PDB file of N, CA and C in Angstrom:
ATOM      1  N   UNK A   1      63.049  42.994  11.847  1.00  0.00           N
ATOM      2  CA  UNK A   1      63.475  41.705  12.341  1.00  0.00           C
ATOM      3  C   UNK A   1      62.996  41.439  13.771  1.00  0.00           C
ATOM      4  N   UNK A   2      62.701  42.488  14.544  1.00  0.00           N
ATOM      5  CA  UNK A   2      62.312  42.275  15.920  1.00  0.00           C
ATOM      6  C   UNK A   2      60.955  41.597  16.056  1.00  0.00           C
ATOM      7  N   UNK A   3      60.125  41.714  15.039  1.00  0.00           N
ATOM      8  CA  UNK A   3      58.820  41.070  15.106  1.00  0.00           C
ATOM      9  C   UNK A   3      58.868  39.602  14.676  1.00  0.00           C
ATOM     10  N   UNK A   4      60.024  39.124  14.293  1.00  0.00           N
ATOM     11  CA  UNK A   4      60.181  37.736  13.871  1.00  0.00           C
ATOM     12  C   UNK A   4      60.592  36.870  15.058  1.00  0.00           C
ATOM     13  N   UNK A   5      60.091  35.662  15.064  1.00  0.00           N
ATOM     14  CA  UNK A   5      60.465  34.700  16.094  1.00  0.00           C
ATOM     15  C   UNK A   5      61.090  33.467  15.444  1.00  0.00           C
ATOM     16  N   UNK A   6      61.961  32.819  16.187  1.00  0.00           N
ATOM     17  CA  UNK A   6      62.617  31.618  15.687  1.00  0.00           C
ATOM     18  C   UNK A   6      61.647  30.447  15.764  1.00  0.00           C
ATOM     19  N   UNK A   7      61.654  29.625  14.736  1.00  0.00           N
ATOM     20  CA  UNK A   7      60.874  28.383  14.755  1.00  0.00           C
ATOM     21  C   UNK A   7      61.741  27.255  14.235  1.00  0.00           C
ATOM     22  N   UNK A   8      61.346  26.045  14.578  1.00  0.00           N
ATOM     23  CA  UNK A   8      61.987  24.840  14.077  1.00  0.00           C
ATOM     24  C   UNK A   8      60.903  23.961  13.470  1.00  0.00           C
ATOM     25  N   UNK A   9      61.283  23.210  12.452  1.00  0.00           N
ATOM     26  CA  UNK A   9      60.293  22.331  11.837  1.00  0.00           C
ATOM     27  C   UNK A   9      60.943  21.075  11.284  1.00  0.00           C
ATOM     28  N   UNK A  10      60.105  20.072  11.097  1.00  0.00           N
ATOM     29  CA  UNK A  10      60.513  18.829  10.442  1.00  0.00           C
ATOM     30  C   UNK A  10      59.354  18.359   9.576  1.00  0.00           C
ATOM     31  N   UNK A  11      59.684  17.645   8.542  1.00  0.00           N
ATOM     32  CA  UNK A  11      58.690  17.061   7.651  1.00  0.00           C
ATOM     33  C   UNK A  11      58.444  15.622   8.089  1.00  0.00           C
ATOM     34  N   UNK A  12      57.190  15.232   8.169  1.00  0.00           N
ATOM     35  CA  UNK A  12      56.831  13.855   8.517  1.00  0.00           C
ATOM     36  C   UNK A  12      56.803  13.042   7.225  1.00  0.00           C
ATOM     37  N   UNK A  13      57.457  11.905   7.266  1.00  0.00           N
ATOM     38  CA  UNK A  13      57.561  11.042   6.089  1.00  0.00           C
ATOM     39  C   UNK A  13      56.902   9.693   6.359  1.00  0.00           C
ATOM     40  N   UNK A  14      56.310   9.150   5.331  1.00  0.00           N
ATOM     41  CA  UNK A  14      55.776   7.791   5.404  1.00  0.00           C
ATOM     42  C   UNK A  14      56.724   6.897   4.622  1.00  0.00           C
ATOM     43  N   UNK A  15      57.201   5.855   5.280  1.00  0.00           N
ATOM     44  CA  UNK A  15      58.146   4.905   4.684  1.00  0.00           C
ATOM     45  C   UNK A  15      57.437   3.552   4.636  1.00  0.00           C
ATOM     46  N   UNK A  16      56.642   3.307   3.587  1.00  0.00           N
ATOM     47  CA  UNK A  16      55.814   2.092   3.555  1.00  0.00           C
ATOM     48  C   UNK A  16      56.590   0.785   3.704  1.00  0.00           C
ATOM     49  N   UNK A  17      57.770   0.719   3.116  1.00  0.00           N
ATOM     50  CA  UNK A  17      58.627  -0.467   3.246  1.00  0.00           C
ATOM     51  C   UNK A  17      59.987   0.035   3.723  1.00  0.00           C
ATOM     52  N   UNK A  18      60.191  -0.025   5.032  1.00  0.00           N
ATOM     53  CA  UNK A  18      61.393   0.536   5.645  1.00  0.00           C
ATOM     54  C   UNK A  18      62.656  -0.035   5.010  1.00  0.00           C
ATOM     55  N   UNK A  19      62.622  -1.309   4.670  1.00  0.00           N
ATOM     56  CA  UNK A  19      63.808  -1.952   4.098  1.00  0.00           C
ATOM     57  C   UNK A  19      64.207  -1.368   2.746  1.00  0.00           C
ATOM     58  N   UNK A  20      63.261  -0.745   2.037  1.00  0.00           N
ATOM     59  CA  UNK A  20      63.585  -0.121   0.747  1.00  0.00           C
ATOM     60  C   UNK A  20      64.036   1.324   0.912  1.00  0.00           C
ATOM     61  N   UNK A  21      63.678   1.953   2.007  1.00  0.00           N
ATOM     62  CA  UNK A  21      64.106   3.325   2.260  1.00  0.00           C
ATOM     63  C   UNK A  21      63.380   4.376   1.442  1.00  0.00           C
ATOM     64  N   UNK A  22      62.334   3.984   0.715  1.00  0.00           N
ATOM     65  CA  UNK A  22      61.566   4.940  -0.080  1.00  0.00           C
ATOM     66  C   UNK A  22      60.523   5.600   0.812  1.00  0.00           C
ATOM     67  N   UNK A  23      60.308   6.891   0.597  1.00  0.00           N
ATOM     68  CA  UNK A  23      59.334   7.599   1.422  1.00  0.00           C
ATOM     69  C   UNK A  23      58.652   8.702   0.623  1.00  0.00           C
ATOM     70  N   UNK A  24      57.547   9.193   1.183  1.00  0.00           N
ATOM     71  CA  UNK A  24      56.930  10.414   0.679  1.00  0.00           C
ATOM     72  C   UNK A  24      56.426  11.223   1.864  1.00  0.00           C
ATOM     73  N   UNK A  25      56.341  12.529   1.660  1.00  0.00           N
ATOM     74  CA  UNK A  25      55.981  13.451   2.737  1.00  0.00           C
ATOM     75  C   UNK A  25      54.488  13.398   3.017  1.00  0.00           C
ATOM     76  N   UNK A  26      54.151  13.348   4.314  1.00  0.00           N
ATOM     77  CA  UNK A  26      52.736  13.306   4.697  1.00  0.00           C
ATOM     78  C   UNK A  26      52.366  14.367   5.721  1.00  0.00           C
ATOM     79  N   UNK A  27      53.349  15.116   6.223  1.00  0.00           N
ATOM     80  CA  UNK A  27      52.996  16.101   7.239  1.00  0.00           C
ATOM     81  C   UNK A  27      54.154  16.992   7.619  1.00  0.00           C
ATOM     82  N   UNK A  28      53.871  17.880   8.573  1.00  0.00           N
ATOM     83  CA  UNK A  28      54.879  18.810   9.072  1.00  0.00           C
ATOM     84  C   UNK A  28      54.641  19.073  10.553  1.00  0.00           C
ATOM     85  N   UNK A  29      55.721  19.356  11.256  1.00  0.00           N
ATOM     86  CA  UNK A  29      55.682  19.712  12.672  1.00  0.00           C
ATOM     87  C   UNK A  29      56.429  21.034  12.817  1.00  0.00           C
ATOM     88  N   UNK A  30      55.831  21.988  13.511  1.00  0.00           N
ATOM     89  CA  UNK A  30      56.477  23.280  13.762  1.00  0.00           C
ATOM     90  C   UNK A  30      56.487  23.553  15.256  1.00  0.00           C
ATOM     91  N   UNK A  31      57.640  24.021  15.743  1.00  0.00           N
ATOM     92  CA  UNK A  31      57.807  24.380  17.147  1.00  0.00           C
ATOM     93  C   UNK A  31      58.399  25.779  17.227  1.00  0.00           C
ATOM     94  N   UNK A  32      57.763  26.650  17.993  1.00  0.00           N
ATOM     95  CA  UNK A  32      58.275  27.998  18.243  1.00  0.00           C
ATOM     96  C   UNK A  32      58.261  28.236  19.747  1.00  0.00           C
ATOM     97  N   UNK A  33      59.425  28.181  20.353  1.00  0.00           N
ATOM     98  CA  UNK A  33      59.546  28.298  21.808  1.00  0.00           C
ATOM     99  C   UNK A  33      58.966  29.611  22.318  1.00  0.00           C
ATOM    100  N   UNK A  34      59.328  30.726  21.666  1.00  0.00           N
ATOM    101  CA  UNK A  34      58.907  32.048  22.117  1.00  0.00           C
ATOM    102  C   UNK A  34      57.386  32.194  22.140  1.00  0.00           C
ATOM    103  N   UNK A  35      56.714  31.564  21.189  1.00  0.00           N
ATOM    104  CA  UNK A  35      55.252  31.629  21.106  1.00  0.00           C
ATOM    105  C   UNK A  35      54.565  30.499  21.855  1.00  0.00           C
ATOM    106  N   UNK A  36      55.363  29.596  22.413  1.00  0.00           N
ATOM    107  CA  UNK A  36      54.812  28.407  23.071  1.00  0.00           C
ATOM    108  C   UNK A  36      53.876  27.650  22.121  1.00  0.00           C
ATOM    109  N   UNK A  37      54.367  27.463  20.893  1.00  0.00           N
ATOM    110  CA  UNK A  37      53.566  26.818  19.852  1.00  0.00           C
ATOM    111  C   UNK A  37      54.221  25.510  19.435  1.00  0.00           C
ATOM    112  N   UNK A  38      53.428  24.466  19.371  1.00  0.00           N
ATOM    113  CA  UNK A  38      53.830  23.185  18.803  1.00  0.00           C
ATOM    114  C   UNK A  38      52.633  22.679  18.021  1.00  0.00           C
ATOM    115  N   UNK A  39      52.797  22.561  16.721  1.00  0.00           N
ATOM    116  CA  UNK A  39      51.679  22.130  15.884  1.00  0.00           C
ATOM    117  C   UNK A  39      52.095  21.083  14.875  1.00  0.00           C
ATOM    118  N   UNK A  40      51.140  20.251  14.505  1.00  0.00           N
ATOM    119  CA  UNK A  40      51.375  19.212  13.514  1.00  0.00           C
ATOM    120  C   UNK A  40      50.195  19.200  12.545  1.00  0.00           C
ATOM    121  N   UNK A  41      50.488  18.940  11.296  1.00  0.00           N
ATOM    122  CA  UNK A  41      49.474  18.779  10.250  1.00  0.00           C
ATOM    123  C   UNK A  41      49.896  17.607   9.391  1.00  0.00           C
ATOM    124  N   UNK A  42      48.936  16.790   8.988  1.00  0.00           N
ATOM    125  CA  UNK A  42      49.281  15.657   8.138  1.00  0.00           C
ATOM    126  C   UNK A  42      48.121  15.292   7.223  1.00  0.00           C
ATOM    127  N   UNK A  43      48.480  14.614   6.145  1.00  0.00           N
ATOM    128  CA  UNK A  43      47.508  14.089   5.179  1.00  0.00           C
ATOM    129  C   UNK A  43      48.195  12.966   4.419  1.00  0.00           C
ATOM    130  N   UNK A  44      47.561  11.800   4.393  1.00  0.00           N
ATOM    131  CA  UNK A  44      48.112  10.667   3.655  1.00  0.00           C
ATOM    132  C   UNK A  44      47.351  10.529   2.349  1.00  0.00           C
ATOM    133  N   UNK A  45      48.068  10.645   1.247  1.00  0.00           N
ATOM    134  CA  UNK A  45      47.494  10.467  -0.090  1.00  0.00           C
ATOM    135  C   UNK A  45      47.399   8.959  -0.351  1.00  0.00           C
ATOM    136  N   UNK A  46      46.183   8.437  -0.332  1.00  0.00           N
ATOM    137  CA  UNK A  46      45.959   6.985  -0.479  1.00  0.00           C
ATOM    138  C   UNK A  46      46.480   6.474  -1.825  1.00  0.00           C
ATOM    139  N   UNK A  47      46.269   7.225  -2.878  1.00  0.00           N
ATOM    140  CA  UNK A  47      46.726   6.803  -4.210  1.00  0.00           C
ATOM    141  C   UNK A  47      48.246   6.659  -4.223  1.00  0.00           C
ATOM    142  N   UNK A  48      48.926   7.644  -3.648  1.00  0.00           N
ATOM    143  CA  UNK A  48      50.387   7.600  -3.593  1.00  0.00           C
ATOM    144  C   UNK A  48      50.844   6.426  -2.726  1.00  0.00           C
ATOM    145  N   UNK A  49      50.163   6.215  -1.600  1.00  0.00           N
ATOM    146  CA  UNK A  49      50.515   5.112  -0.715  1.00  0.00           C
ATOM    147  C   UNK A  49      50.391   3.778  -1.447  1.00  0.00           C
ATOM    148  N   UNK A  50      49.303   3.589  -2.168  1.00  0.00           N
ATOM    149  CA  UNK A  50      49.110   2.328  -2.885  1.00  0.00           C
ATOM    150  C   UNK A  50      50.120   2.144  -4.008  1.00  0.00           C
ATOM    151  N   UNK A  51      50.618   3.246  -4.571  1.00  0.00           N
ATOM    152  CA  UNK A  51      51.662   3.135  -5.586  1.00  0.00           C
ATOM    153  C   UNK A  51      52.972   2.644  -4.965  1.00  0.00           C
ATOM    154  N   UNK A  52      53.200   2.995  -3.711  1.00  0.00           N
ATOM    155  CA  UNK A  52      54.401   2.560  -3.005  1.00  0.00           C
ATOM    156  C   UNK A  52      54.252   1.143  -2.474  1.00  0.00           C
ATOM    157  N   UNK A  53      53.060   0.842  -1.920  1.00  0.00           N
ATOM    158  CA  UNK A  53      52.874  -0.448  -1.257  1.00  0.00           C
ATOM    159  C   UNK A  53      51.388  -0.671  -1.001  1.00  0.00           C
ATOM    160  N   UNK A  54      50.854  -1.740  -1.516  1.00  0.00           N
ATOM    161  CA  UNK A  54      49.429  -2.030  -1.347  1.00  0.00           C
ATOM    162  C   UNK A  54      49.112  -2.713  -0.008  1.00  0.00           C
ATOM    163  N   UNK A  55      50.130  -3.254   0.666  1.00  0.00           N
ATOM    164  CA  UNK A  55      49.888  -4.019   1.888  1.00  0.00           C
ATOM    165  C   UNK A  55      49.766  -3.177   3.153  1.00  0.00           C
ATOM    166  N   UNK A  56      50.049  -1.891   3.096  1.00  0.00           N
ATOM    167  CA  UNK A  56      50.039  -1.057   4.295  1.00  0.00           C
ATOM    168  C   UNK A  56      48.603  -0.757   4.710  1.00  0.00           C
ATOM    169  N   UNK A  57      48.344  -0.870   6.005  1.00  0.00           N
ATOM    170  CA  UNK A  57      47.022  -0.628   6.572  1.00  0.00           C
ATOM    171  C   UNK A  57      46.863   0.864   6.878  1.00  0.00           C
ATOM    172  N   UNK A  58      46.074   1.572   6.092  1.00  0.00           N
ATOM    173  CA  UNK A  58      45.881   3.009   6.263  1.00  0.00           C
ATOM    174  C   UNK A  58      45.262   3.338   7.616  1.00  0.00           C
ATOM    175  N   UNK A  59      44.414   2.472   8.134  1.00  0.00           N
ATOM    176  CA  UNK A  59      43.820   2.714   9.455  1.00  0.00           C
ATOM    177  C   UNK A  59      44.887   2.706  10.546  1.00  0.00           C
ATOM    178  N   UNK A  60      45.845   1.816  10.436  1.00  0.00           N
ATOM    179  CA  UNK A  60      46.940   1.763  11.397  1.00  0.00           C
ATOM    180  C   UNK A  60      47.797   3.033  11.291  1.00  0.00           C
ATOM    181  N   UNK A  61      48.084   3.461  10.085  1.00  0.00           N
ATOM    182  CA  UNK A  61      48.852   4.695   9.879  1.00  0.00           C
ATOM    183  C   UNK A  61      48.122   5.876  10.507  1.00  0.00           C
ATOM    184  N   UNK A  62      46.819   5.965  10.280  1.00  0.00           N
ATOM    185  CA  UNK A  62      46.040   7.063  10.860  1.00  0.00           C
ATOM    186  C   UNK A  62      46.048   7.020  12.384  1.00  0.00           C
ATOM    187  N   UNK A  63      46.043   5.824  12.974  1.00  0.00           N
ATOM    188  CA  UNK A  63      46.131   5.709  14.441  1.00  0.00           C
ATOM    189  C   UNK A  63      47.482   6.215  14.936  1.00  0.00           C
ATOM    190  N   UNK A  64      48.562   5.856  14.241  1.00  0.00           N
ATOM    191  CA  UNK A  64      49.891   6.351  14.614  1.00  0.00           C
ATOM    192  C   UNK A  64      49.941   7.878  14.522  1.00  0.00           C
ATOM    193  N   UNK A  65      49.402   8.418  13.430  1.00  0.00           N
ATOM    194  CA  UNK A  65      49.421   9.871  13.246  1.00  0.00           C
ATOM    195  C   UNK A  65      48.566  10.579  14.292  1.00  0.00           C
ATOM    196  N   UNK A  66      47.454   9.981  14.660  1.00  0.00           N
ATOM    197  CA  UNK A  66      46.613  10.557  15.705  1.00  0.00           C
ATOM    198  C   UNK A  66      47.366  10.556  17.039  1.00  0.00           C
ATOM    199  N   UNK A  67      48.150   9.519  17.294  1.00  0.00           N
ATOM    200  CA  UNK A  67      48.970   9.481  18.513  1.00  0.00           C
ATOM    201  C   UNK A  67      50.014  10.596  18.481  1.00  0.00           C
ATOM    202  N   UNK A  68      50.623  10.841  17.317  1.00  0.00           N
ATOM    203  CA  UNK A  68      51.576  11.951  17.185  1.00  0.00           C
ATOM    204  C   UNK A  68      50.874  13.274  17.489  1.00  0.00           C
ATOM    205  N   UNK A  69      49.649  13.411  16.992  1.00  0.00           N
ATOM    206  CA  UNK A  69      48.898  14.651  17.228  1.00  0.00           C
ATOM    207  C   UNK A  69      48.607  14.830  18.723  1.00  0.00           C
ATOM    208  N   UNK A  70      48.224  13.752  19.393  1.00  0.00           N
ATOM    209  CA  UNK A  70      47.941  13.830  20.836  1.00  0.00           C
ATOM    210  C   UNK A  70      49.192  14.219  21.616  1.00  0.00           C
ATOM    211  N   UNK A  71      50.343  13.665  21.237  1.00  0.00           N
ATOM    212  CA  UNK A  71      51.600  14.037  21.881  1.00  0.00           C
ATOM    213  C   UNK A  71      51.884  15.512  21.627  1.00  0.00           C
ATOM    214  N   UNK A  72      51.714  15.925  20.399  1.00  0.00           N
ATOM    215  CA  UNK A  72      51.947  17.320  20.020  1.00  0.00           C
ATOM    216  C   UNK A  72      51.086  18.272  20.853  1.00  0.00           C
ATOM    217  N   UNK A  73      49.843  17.930  21.036  1.00  0.00           N
ATOM    218  CA  UNK A  73      48.897  18.777  21.766  1.00  0.00           C
ATOM    219  C   UNK A  73      49.069  18.698  23.278  1.00  0.00           C
ATOM    220  N   UNK A  74      49.867  17.753  23.761  1.00  0.00           N
ATOM    221  CA  UNK A  74      50.010  17.567  25.200  1.00  0.00           C
ATOM    222  C   UNK A  74      48.793  16.904  25.806  1.00  0.00           C
ATOM    223  N   UNK A  75      48.039  16.204  24.977  1.00  0.00           N
ATOM    224  CA  UNK A  75      46.830  15.510  25.388  1.00  0.00           C
ATOM    225  C   UNK A  75      47.192  14.366  26.343  1.00  0.00           C
ATOM    226  N   UNK A  76      46.412  14.188  27.391  1.00  0.00           N
ATOM    227  CA  UNK A  76      46.674  13.114  28.349  1.00  0.00           C
ATOM    228  C   UNK A  76      46.612  11.740  27.684  1.00  0.00           C
ATOM    229  N   UNK A  77      45.854  11.626  26.588  1.00  0.00           N
ATOM    230  CA  UNK A  77      45.802  10.368  25.851  1.00  0.00           C
ATOM    231  C   UNK A  77      47.138  10.082  25.157  1.00  0.00           C
ATOM    232  N   UNK A  78      48.024  11.081  25.109  1.00  0.00           N
ATOM    233  CA  UNK A  78      49.359  10.905  24.536  1.00  0.00           C
ATOM    234  C   UNK A  78      50.323  10.217  25.495  1.00  0.00           C
ATOM    235  N   UNK A  79      49.820   9.826  26.670  1.00  0.00           N
ATOM    236  CA  UNK A  79      50.636   9.091  27.639  1.00  0.00           C
ATOM    237  C   UNK A  79      51.706   9.954  28.278  1.00  0.00           C
ATOM    238  N   UNK A  80      52.752   9.294  28.758  1.00  0.00           N
ATOM    239  CA  UNK A  80      53.826  10.018  29.449  1.00  0.00           C
ATOM    240  C   UNK A  80      54.544  10.988  28.524  1.00  0.00           C
ATOM    241  N   UNK A  81      54.652  10.648  27.264  1.00  0.00           N
ATOM    242  CA  UNK A  81      55.302  11.552  26.303  1.00  0.00           C
ATOM    243  C   UNK A  81      54.449  12.817  26.141  1.00  0.00           C
ATOM    244  N   UNK A  82      53.143  12.657  26.073  1.00  0.00           N
ATOM    245  CA  UNK A  82      52.241  13.796  25.947  1.00  0.00           C
ATOM    246  C   UNK A  82      52.273  14.727  27.143  1.00  0.00           C
ATOM    247  N   UNK A  83      52.747  14.233  28.286  1.00  0.00           N
ATOM    248  CA  UNK A  83      52.826  15.050  29.504  1.00  0.00           C
ATOM    249  C   UNK A  83      54.117  15.862  29.581  1.00  0.00           C
ATOM    250  N   UNK A  84      55.057  15.603  28.673  1.00  0.00           N
ATOM    251  CA  UNK A  84      56.314  16.350  28.681  1.00  0.00           C
ATOM    252  C   UNK A  84      56.077  17.803  28.275  1.00  0.00           C
ATOM    253  N   UNK A  85      57.069  18.663  28.513  1.00  0.00           N
ATOM    254  CA  UNK A  85      56.919  20.058  28.093  1.00  0.00           C
ATOM    255  C   UNK A  85      57.124  20.175  26.576  1.00  0.00           C
ATOM    256  N   UNK A  86      56.805  21.334  26.018  1.00  0.00           N
ATOM    257  CA  UNK A  86      56.820  21.525  24.563  1.00  0.00           C
ATOM    258  C   UNK A  86      58.134  21.114  23.900  1.00  0.00           C
ATOM    259  N   UNK A  87      59.295  21.614  24.372  1.00  0.00           N
ATOM    260  CA  UNK A  87      60.527  21.240  23.668  1.00  0.00           C
ATOM    261  C   UNK A  87      60.790  19.739  23.686  1.00  0.00           C
ATOM    262  N   UNK A  88      60.496  19.099  24.815  1.00  0.00           N
ATOM    263  CA  UNK A  88      60.725  17.655  24.888  1.00  0.00           C
ATOM    264  C   UNK A  88      59.782  16.890  23.971  1.00  0.00           C
ATOM    265  N   UNK A  89      58.533  17.329  23.864  1.00  0.00           N
ATOM    266  CA  UNK A  89      57.592  16.669  22.941  1.00  0.00           C
ATOM    267  C   UNK A  89      58.062  16.851  21.495  1.00  0.00           C
ATOM    268  N   UNK A  90      58.504  18.064  21.141  1.00  0.00           N
ATOM    269  CA  UNK A  90      58.997  18.307  19.783  1.00  0.00           C
ATOM    270  C   UNK A  90      60.192  17.407  19.488  1.00  0.00           C
ATOM    271  N   UNK A  91      61.133  17.329  20.420  1.00  0.00           N
ATOM    272  CA  UNK A  91      62.324  16.506  20.177  1.00  0.00           C
ATOM    273  C   UNK A  91      61.989  15.017  20.136  1.00  0.00           C
ATOM    274  N   UNK A  92      61.003  14.577  20.899  1.00  0.00           N
ATOM    275  CA  UNK A  92      60.580  13.178  20.818  1.00  0.00           C
ATOM    276  C   UNK A  92      59.969  12.911  19.434  1.00  0.00           C
ATOM    277  N   UNK A  93      59.100  13.824  18.981  1.00  0.00           N
ATOM    278  CA  UNK A  93      58.443  13.627  17.681  1.00  0.00           C
ATOM    279  C   UNK A  93      59.439  13.636  16.526  1.00  0.00           C
ATOM    280  N   UNK A  94      60.510  14.401  16.654  1.00  0.00           N
ATOM    281  CA  UNK A  94      61.464  14.524  15.551  1.00  0.00           C
ATOM    282  C   UNK A  94      62.703  13.652  15.729  1.00  0.00           C
ATOM    283  N   UNK A  95      62.692  12.787  16.727  1.00  0.00           N
ATOM    284  CA  UNK A  95      63.836  11.890  16.945  1.00  0.00           C
ATOM    285  C   UNK A  95      63.939  10.873  15.810  1.00  0.00           C
ATOM    286  N   UNK A  96      65.162  10.448  15.522  1.00  0.00           N
ATOM    287  CA  UNK A  96      65.388   9.435  14.486  1.00  0.00           C
ATOM    288  C   UNK A  96      64.725   8.136  14.897  1.00  0.00           C
ATOM    289  N   UNK A  97      64.080   7.503  13.952  1.00  0.00           N
ATOM    290  CA  UNK A  97      63.462   6.205  14.215  1.00  0.00           C
ATOM    291  C   UNK A  97      63.417   5.423  12.904  1.00  0.00           C
ATOM    292  N   UNK A  98      63.331   4.116  13.015  1.00  0.00           N
ATOM    293  CA  UNK A  98      63.313   3.270  11.824  1.00  0.00           C
ATOM    294  C   UNK A  98      61.964   2.573  11.703  1.00  0.00           C
ATOM    295  N   UNK A  99      60.919   3.360  11.789  1.00  0.00           N
ATOM    296  CA  UNK A  99      59.567   2.824  11.666  1.00  0.00           C
ATOM    297  C   UNK A  99      58.924   3.349  10.391  1.00  0.00           C
ATOM    298  N   UNK A 100      57.686   3.010  10.190  1.00  0.00           N
ATOM    299  CA  UNK A 100      56.972   3.404   8.981  1.00  0.00           C
ATOM    300  C   UNK A 100      56.722   4.917   8.921  1.00  0.00           C
ATOM    301  N   UNK A 101      56.648   5.582  10.089  1.00  0.00           N
ATOM    302  CA  UNK A 101      56.490   7.032  10.132  1.00  0.00           C
ATOM    303  C   UNK A 101      57.757   7.625  10.738  1.00  0.00           C
ATOM    304  N   UNK A 102      58.407   8.511   9.983  1.00  0.00           N
ATOM    305  CA  UNK A 102      59.663   9.118  10.393  1.00  0.00           C
ATOM    306  C   UNK A 102      59.587  10.619  10.170  1.00  0.00           C
ATOM    307  N   UNK A 103      60.576  11.334  10.683  1.00  0.00           N
ATOM    308  CA  UNK A 103      60.636  12.766  10.402  1.00  0.00           C
ATOM    309  C   UNK A 103      61.981  13.100   9.777  1.00  0.00           C
ATOM    310  N   UNK A 104      61.995  14.210   9.059  1.00  0.00           N
ATOM    311  CA  UNK A 104      63.228  14.684   8.455  1.00  0.00           C
ATOM    312  C   UNK A 104      64.132  15.258   9.531  1.00  0.00           C
ATOM    313  N   UNK A 105      65.279  15.752   9.115  1.00  0.00           N
ATOM    314  CA  UNK A 105      66.116  16.526  10.016  1.00  0.00           C
ATOM    315  C   UNK A 105      65.334  17.764  10.425  1.00  0.00           C
ATOM    316  N   UNK A 106      65.704  18.340  11.549  1.00  0.00           N
ATOM    317  CA  UNK A 106      65.062  19.567  12.013  1.00  0.00           C
ATOM    318  C   UNK A 106      65.721  20.757  11.314  1.00  0.00           C
ATOM    319  N   UNK A 107      64.889  21.656  10.836  1.00  0.00           N
ATOM    320  CA  UNK A 107      65.339  22.890  10.176  1.00  0.00           C
ATOM    321  C   UNK A 107      64.819  24.061  10.992  1.00  0.00           C
ATOM    322  N   UNK A 108      65.412  25.234  10.816  1.00  0.00           N
ATOM    323  CA  UNK A 108      64.951  26.399  11.565  1.00  0.00           C
ATOM    324  C   UNK A 108      64.810  27.607  10.646  1.00  0.00           C
ATOM    325  N   UNK A 109      64.095  28.594  11.150  1.00  0.00           N
ATOM    326  CA  UNK A 109      63.888  29.819  10.401  1.00  0.00           C
ATOM    327  C   UNK A 109      63.265  30.871  11.296  1.00  0.00           C
ATOM    328  N   UNK A 110      62.869  31.979  10.684  1.00  0.00           N
ATOM    329  CA  UNK A 110      62.202  33.065  11.389  1.00  0.00           C
ATOM    330  C   UNK A 110      60.821  33.260  10.790  1.00  0.00           C
ATOM    331  N   UNK A 111      59.860  33.571  11.643  1.00  0.00           N
ATOM    332  CA  UNK A 111      58.501  33.788  11.157  1.00  0.00           C
ATOM    333  C   UNK A 111      57.788  34.806  12.049  1.00  0.00           C
ATOM    334  N   UNK A 112      56.642  35.252  11.581  1.00  0.00           N
ATOM    335  CA  UNK A 112      55.791  36.141  12.376  1.00  0.00           C
ATOM    336  C   UNK A 112      54.674  35.371  13.052  1.00  0.00           C
ATOM    337  N   UNK A 113      54.234  34.289  12.408  1.00  0.00           N
ATOM    338  CA  UNK A 113      53.079  33.533  12.882  1.00  0.00           C
ATOM    339  C   UNK A 113      53.355  32.040  12.709  1.00  0.00           C
ATOM    340  N   UNK A 114      53.689  31.318  13.787  1.00  0.00           N
ATOM    341  CA  UNK A 114      54.018  29.895  13.661  1.00  0.00           C
ATOM    342  C   UNK A 114      52.897  29.039  13.070  1.00  0.00           C
ATOM    343  N   UNK A 115      51.665  29.354  13.404  1.00  0.00           N
ATOM    344  CA  UNK A 115      50.551  28.563  12.869  1.00  0.00           C
ATOM    345  C   UNK A 115      50.456  28.727  11.349  1.00  0.00           C
ATOM    346  N   UNK A 116      50.622  29.951  10.872  1.00  0.00           N
ATOM    347  CA  UNK A 116      50.612  30.205   9.426  1.00  0.00           C
ATOM    348  C   UNK A 116      51.814  29.541   8.767  1.00  0.00           C
ATOM    349  N   UNK A 117      52.938  29.565   9.467  1.00  0.00           N
ATOM    350  CA  UNK A 117      54.151  28.927   8.945  1.00  0.00           C
ATOM    351  C   UNK A 117      53.943  27.426   8.797  1.00  0.00           C
ATOM    352  N   UNK A 118      53.264  26.801   9.769  1.00  0.00           N
ATOM    353  CA  UNK A 118      52.933  25.381   9.664  1.00  0.00           C
ATOM    354  C   UNK A 118      52.090  25.135   8.417  1.00  0.00           C
ATOM    355  N   UNK A 119      51.079  25.958   8.200  1.00  0.00           N
ATOM    356  CA  UNK A 119      50.238  25.818   7.000  1.00  0.00           C
ATOM    357  C   UNK A 119      51.062  25.970   5.725  1.00  0.00           C
ATOM    358  N   UNK A 120      51.954  26.964   5.706  1.00  0.00           N
ATOM    359  CA  UNK A 120      52.780  27.212   4.518  1.00  0.00           C
ATOM    360  C   UNK A 120      53.712  26.040   4.225  1.00  0.00           C
ATOM    361  N   UNK A 121      54.367  25.528   5.268  1.00  0.00           N
ATOM    362  CA  UNK A 121      55.273  24.386   5.093  1.00  0.00           C
ATOM    363  C   UNK A 121      54.495  23.166   4.624  1.00  0.00           C
ATOM    364  N   UNK A 122      53.333  22.943   5.211  1.00  0.00           N
ATOM    365  CA  UNK A 122      52.476  21.816   4.826  1.00  0.00           C
ATOM    366  C   UNK A 122      52.088  21.909   3.344  1.00  0.00           C
ATOM    367  N   UNK A 123      51.653  23.097   2.936  1.00  0.00           N
ATOM    368  CA  UNK A 123      51.281  23.300   1.531  1.00  0.00           C
ATOM    369  C   UNK A 123      52.454  23.072   0.591  1.00  0.00           C
ATOM    370  N   UNK A 124      53.614  23.587   0.961  1.00  0.00           N
ATOM    371  CA  UNK A 124      54.786  23.513   0.088  1.00  0.00           C
ATOM    372  C   UNK A 124      55.367  22.112  -0.018  1.00  0.00           C
ATOM    373  N   UNK A 125      55.471  21.404   1.105  1.00  0.00           N
ATOM    374  CA  UNK A 125      56.200  20.142   1.100  1.00  0.00           C
ATOM    375  C   UNK A 125      55.330  18.883   1.112  1.00  0.00           C
ATOM    376  N   UNK A 126      54.028  19.034   1.403  1.00  0.00           N
ATOM    377  CA  UNK A 126      53.193  17.836   1.504  1.00  0.00           C
ATOM    378  C   UNK A 126      52.147  17.774   0.398  1.00  0.00           C
ATOM    379  N   UNK A 127      51.406  18.843   0.208  1.00  0.00           N
ATOM    380  CA  UNK A 127      50.318  18.798  -0.782  1.00  0.00           C
ATOM    381  C   UNK A 127      50.785  19.041  -2.195  1.00  0.00           C
TER     382      UNK A 127
END
């Protein structure tokens, strides 16, 4: 157990029509304080999106997701939020919001490799 580190994660959801409350998973965010790791992975299935709503602009969604990635990476293009420290960026990304891109509740666990854990969560819950 000593080689395990605590991590937190949330699933990124796409809510094409917020008023209907229907969503599907498009990504994952993992934060491990001890490893100083914050990572995000996403993929939007166009076929699934069109089954939910044909009017959504995929280019706009990709721009929003790219902004989330910049914040996650601490990129200066992520603005003032991107300049925050890791825990604050994670909590901003996983905060409740009523927009087209939302995140699930935050969950926690133990892992050996946060980057691998991000890949595993992404494979299990998104693809």
